[in-house]
Each structure stands twice: as C-alpha cells, then as structure tokens.
C-alpha cells in the first residue's frame, strides 16, 4: 500500500515545528550545583572524561 503524499506546505509546517521544539530545548536553562544557569542538555548525559 503506497504512503499518502502530503502537500509541501504540510511537510514544511512539520519541519518548522520540529525546528522550533529543538530550538526551545537547547535554549532551556537549569541551575547547577553552584547555582549558575547552565544549558539543560549539558546536564543530561554522564561525564565520559573524553573531553567532547
């Protein structure tokens, strides 16, 4: 069964919505243990010690 073809404006709206969600996620700030604002995404993973 073939997949439905969505209009280009619908696909563009979906992509724009995803970009907006990513942008909001990467701008989100939280307080670290020293009380400073740091990006939330930097606190999600374990520190690997590899420097990257």
N, C-alpha and C. Protein backbone atom coordinates (compact mmCIF):
# COMPACT_ATOMS: atom_id res chain seq x y z
N UNK A 1 0.85 -1.18 0.00
CA UNK A 1 0.00 0.00 0.00
C UNK A 1 0.90 1.25 0.00
N UNK A 2 0.72 2.14 -0.94
CA UNK A 2 1.57 3.33 -1.01
C UNK A 2 1.26 4.31 0.11
N UNK A 3 2.30 5.01 0.53
CA UNK A 3 2.13 6.03 1.56
C UNK A 3 1.44 7.25 0.96
N UNK A 4 0.64 7.94 1.76
CA UNK A 4 -0.04 9.14 1.23
C UNK A 4 0.97 10.26 0.97
N UNK A 5 0.74 11.02 -0.05
CA UNK A 5 1.59 12.17 -0.36
C UNK A 5 1.00 13.39 0.30
N UNK A 6 1.75 14.01 1.20
CA UNK A 6 1.29 15.20 1.88
C UNK A 6 1.68 16.42 1.06
N UNK A 7 0.88 17.45 1.10
CA UNK A 7 1.24 18.68 0.39
C UNK A 7 2.53 19.28 0.97
N UNK A 8 3.25 19.99 0.13
CA UNK A 8 4.53 20.56 0.53
C UNK A 8 4.37 21.51 1.72
N UNK A 9 3.26 22.25 1.76
CA UNK A 9 3.09 23.18 2.88
C UNK A 9 2.91 22.44 4.20
N UNK A 10 2.30 21.25 4.17
CA UNK A 10 2.15 20.45 5.38
C UNK A 10 3.51 19.96 5.85
N UNK A 11 4.33 19.45 4.91
CA UNK A 11 5.66 18.97 5.27
C UNK A 11 6.51 20.11 5.83
N UNK A 12 6.40 21.28 5.24
CA UNK A 12 7.16 22.44 5.73
C UNK A 12 6.72 22.81 7.14
N UNK A 13 5.43 22.71 7.42
CA UNK A 13 4.93 23.03 8.75
C UNK A 13 5.44 22.02 9.78
N UNK A 14 5.52 20.75 9.39
CA UNK A 14 6.03 19.72 10.30
C UNK A 14 7.49 19.98 10.61
N UNK A 15 8.27 20.28 9.59
CA UNK A 15 9.70 20.55 9.79
C UNK A 15 9.89 21.80 10.65
N UNK A 16 9.11 22.85 10.38
CA UNK A 16 9.21 24.08 11.17
C UNK A 16 8.87 23.82 12.63
N UNK A 17 7.88 22.99 12.88
CA UNK A 17 7.51 22.68 14.26
C UNK A 17 8.62 21.91 14.97
N UNK A 18 9.28 20.98 14.27
CA UNK A 18 10.39 20.23 14.87
C UNK A 18 11.56 21.16 15.19
N UNK A 19 11.86 22.05 14.26
CA UNK A 19 12.96 23.00 14.49
C UNK A 19 12.65 23.87 15.71
N UNK A 20 11.41 24.30 15.83
CA UNK A 20 11.02 25.12 16.98
C UNK A 20 11.19 24.36 18.29
N UNK A 21 10.80 23.09 18.31
CA UNK A 21 10.95 22.28 19.52
C UNK A 21 12.42 22.09 19.89
N UNK A 22 13.27 21.81 18.89
CA UNK A 22 14.70 21.67 19.15
C UNK A 22 15.27 22.98 19.69
N UNK A 23 14.89 24.09 19.07
CA UNK A 23 15.40 25.39 19.49
C UNK A 23 15.04 25.68 20.95
N UNK A 24 13.77 25.41 21.31
CA UNK A 24 13.35 25.64 22.70
C UNK A 24 14.09 24.72 23.67
N UNK A 25 14.31 23.46 23.26
CA UNK A 25 15.03 22.52 24.13
C UNK A 25 16.45 23.00 24.39
N UNK A 26 17.16 23.41 23.34
CA UNK A 26 18.55 23.80 23.51
C UNK A 26 18.71 25.16 24.19
N UNK A 27 17.66 25.96 24.25
CA UNK A 27 17.72 27.24 24.96
C UNK A 27 17.36 27.11 26.44
N UNK A 28 16.76 25.99 26.84
CA UNK A 28 16.30 25.81 28.21
C UNK A 28 17.48 25.80 29.18
N UNK A 29 17.35 26.49 30.30
CA UNK A 29 18.40 26.61 31.30
C UNK A 29 17.93 26.04 32.64
N UNK A 30 18.86 25.48 33.39
CA UNK A 30 18.60 25.00 34.75
C UNK A 30 19.75 25.46 35.64
N UNK A 31 19.55 25.40 36.93
CA UNK A 31 20.60 25.76 37.89
C UNK A 31 21.47 24.53 38.16
N UNK A 32 22.79 24.73 38.15
CA UNK A 32 23.67 23.62 38.50
C UNK A 32 23.89 23.60 40.01
N UNK A 33 24.79 22.76 40.48
CA UNK A 33 25.01 22.64 41.93
C UNK A 33 25.64 23.88 42.54
N UNK A 34 26.17 24.78 41.71
CA UNK A 34 26.75 26.04 42.21
C UNK A 34 25.79 27.22 42.06
N UNK A 35 24.57 26.94 41.59
CA UNK A 35 23.57 27.98 41.46
C UNK A 35 23.65 28.78 40.17
N UNK A 36 24.48 28.35 39.24
CA UNK A 36 24.62 29.04 37.96
C UNK A 36 23.67 28.45 36.92
N UNK A 37 23.21 29.28 36.01
CA UNK A 37 22.38 28.79 34.91
C UNK A 37 23.26 28.09 33.89
N UNK A 38 22.89 26.86 33.57
CA UNK A 38 23.61 26.09 32.55
C UNK A 38 22.57 25.49 31.59
N UNK A 39 22.97 25.18 30.36
CA UNK A 39 22.03 24.56 29.43
C UNK A 39 21.57 23.20 29.95
N UNK A 40 20.28 22.94 29.86
CA UNK A 40 19.72 21.67 30.33
C UNK A 40 20.36 20.49 29.62
N UNK A 41 20.57 20.61 28.30
CA UNK A 41 21.10 19.47 27.55
C UNK A 41 22.47 19.04 28.03
N UNK A 42 23.23 19.96 28.64
CA UNK A 42 24.57 19.60 29.09
C UNK A 42 24.54 18.80 30.38
N UNK A 43 23.39 18.74 31.05
CA UNK A 43 23.28 18.00 32.31
C UNK A 43 22.68 16.62 32.13
N UNK A 44 22.29 16.25 30.92
CA UNK A 44 21.55 15.01 30.73
C UNK A 44 22.42 13.77 30.65
N UNK A 45 23.63 13.88 30.15
CA UNK A 45 24.48 12.70 29.99
C UNK A 45 25.50 12.57 31.10
N UNK A 46 26.03 11.37 31.24
CA UNK A 46 27.11 11.15 32.20
C UNK A 46 28.40 11.72 31.64
N UNK A 47 29.24 12.20 32.51
CA UNK A 47 30.54 12.72 32.09
C UNK A 47 31.42 11.56 31.68
N UNK A 48 31.94 11.58 30.46
CA UNK A 48 32.74 10.47 29.97
C UNK A 48 34.22 10.68 30.20
N UNK A 49 34.64 11.94 30.41
CA UNK A 49 36.05 12.22 30.59
C UNK A 49 36.84 12.31 29.30
N UNK A 50 36.16 12.19 28.17
CA UNK A 50 36.84 12.23 26.87
C UNK A 50 36.99 13.65 26.34
N UNK A 51 36.36 14.62 26.98
CA UNK A 51 36.51 16.00 26.55
C UNK A 51 35.76 16.34 25.29
N UNK A 52 34.69 15.68 25.01
CA UNK A 52 33.97 16.02 23.80
C UNK A 52 32.61 15.65 23.73
